[in-house]
Amino acid sequence: MHEAGPRTKPISTPYLKGEKKLSKAQKDKPDSLFKLYPTLDEAYWLKILFDDFWEMKEEQQAEMFLADWCGQVGESKIFPFIEFTKTLKAHCYGI
């Protein structure tokens, strides 16, 4: 599981298909996309963090995680993610 909070090293995988599906060469390949599009790094990190949500077994843990994750999204100011959190909040009961 990934820890929420500040990252200590940049993410080096440019593909949004999921870390587990990348080859070793893809994981090790230097990433120029994140240099060209700085917000992409943060968006990718938020996506990786959100993947942890699906592994949570306890409702209270999941609720706390979503509250924290939505807060990080708000700070990111990445509009599509902010819209997604609005949808999550509107439909969070029963997820």
Protein backbone atom coordinates (compact mmCIF):
# COMPACT_ATOMS: atom_id res chain seq x y z
CA MET A 1 0.00 0.00 0.00
CA HIS A 2 1.27 3.49 -0.77
CA GLU A 3 1.57 6.02 1.98
CA ALA A 4 -0.24 9.32 1.64
CA GLY A 5 1.72 12.47 2.16
CA PRO A 6 4.69 14.15 0.54
CA ARG A 7 6.80 12.09 -1.81
CA THR A 8 10.49 11.87 -1.23
CA LYS A 9 11.37 10.84 -4.78
CA PRO A 10 9.73 11.58 -8.14
CA ILE A 11 7.69 8.92 -9.86
CA SER A 12 9.55 7.55 -12.88
CA THR A 13 6.74 5.73 -14.69
CA PRO A 14 4.88 7.81 -17.24
CA TYR A 15 2.14 5.33 -18.05
CA LEU A 16 -1.27 5.44 -16.46
CA LYS A 17 -1.95 1.75 -17.05
CA GLY A 18 -0.75 0.83 -13.59
CA GLU A 19 2.61 0.22 -12.01
CA LYS A 20 2.12 -3.55 -11.84
CA LYS A 21 1.65 -3.79 -15.62
CA LEU A 22 4.89 -2.01 -16.52
CA SER A 23 8.00 -3.87 -17.57
CA LYS A 24 11.23 -3.30 -15.67
CA ALA A 25 12.56 -1.28 -18.62
CA GLN A 26 9.49 0.99 -18.53
CA LYS A 27 9.84 1.50 -14.77
CA ASP A 28 13.53 2.36 -15.11
CA LYS A 29 13.19 4.57 -18.18
CA PRO A 30 13.83 8.26 -17.45
CA ASP A 31 10.65 10.23 -17.82
CA SER A 32 10.55 13.41 -19.84
CA LEU A 33 6.75 13.74 -19.75
CA PHE A 34 6.80 14.77 -16.10
CA LYS A 35 9.32 17.48 -16.94
CA LEU A 36 7.14 18.76 -19.78
CA TYR A 37 3.90 18.50 -17.79
CA PRO A 38 4.60 19.03 -14.06
CA THR A 39 0.97 18.43 -13.09
CA LEU A 40 1.14 14.95 -14.63
CA ASP A 41 3.46 13.79 -11.85
CA GLU A 42 0.98 14.87 -9.18
CA ALA A 43 -1.98 13.43 -11.10
CA TYR A 44 -0.21 10.10 -11.47
CA TRP A 45 0.63 10.03 -7.76
CA LEU A 46 -3.00 10.74 -6.84
CA LYS A 47 -4.09 7.91 -9.14
CA ILE A 48 -1.62 5.49 -7.52
CA LEU A 49 -2.83 6.50 -4.06
CA PHE A 50 -6.47 6.05 -5.06
CA ASP A 51 -5.72 2.49 -6.21
CA ASP A 52 -5.11 1.67 -2.52
CA PHE A 53 -8.75 2.49 -1.78
CA TRP A 54 -9.93 -0.70 -3.49
CA GLU A 55 -7.77 -2.84 -1.18
CA MET A 56 -9.34 -1.52 2.03
CA LYS A 57 -11.46 -3.97 3.99
CA GLU A 58 -12.78 -1.73 6.78
CA GLU A 59 -15.37 0.98 6.12
CA GLN A 60 -13.92 3.44 8.64
CA GLN A 61 -10.44 3.08 7.13
CA ALA A 62 -11.85 3.69 3.65
CA GLU A 63 -13.80 6.77 4.80
CA MET A 64 -10.70 8.26 6.44
CA PHE A 65 -8.65 7.50 3.35
CA LEU A 66 -11.17 9.16 1.03
CA ALA A 67 -11.35 12.26 3.21
CA ASP A 68 -7.56 12.57 3.17
CA TRP A 69 -7.31 11.80 -0.55
CA CYS A 70 -10.01 14.36 -1.41
CA GLY A 71 -8.10 16.93 0.65
CA GLN A 72 -4.93 16.23 -1.33
CA VAL A 73 -6.89 16.57 -4.56
CA GLY A 74 -8.23 19.96 -3.43
CA GLU A 75 -4.71 21.15 -2.73
CA SER A 76 -3.54 19.90 -6.13
CA LYS A 77 -5.95 22.18 -8.00
CA ILE A 78 -6.18 19.61 -10.82
CA PHE A 79 -9.66 20.29 -12.17
CA PRO A 80 -10.61 16.79 -13.45
CA PHE A 81 -9.65 15.28 -10.09
CA ILE A 82 -11.60 17.95 -8.23
CA GLU A 83 -14.68 17.13 -10.32
CA PHE A 84 -14.15 13.45 -9.56
CA THR A 85 -14.04 14.15 -5.81
CA LYS A 86 -17.31 16.06 -6.09
CA THR A 87 -18.85 12.98 -7.69
CA LEU A 88 -17.39 10.75 -4.99
CA LYS A 89 -18.76 12.95 -2.24
CA ALA A 90 -22.19 13.03 -3.86
CA HIS A 91 -22.29 9.22 -4.09
CA CYS A 92 -20.07 8.13 -1.20
CA TYR A 93 -22.78 6.27 0.64
CA GLY A 94 -22.85 2.68 -0.47
CA ILE A 95 -19.48 2.62 -2.23
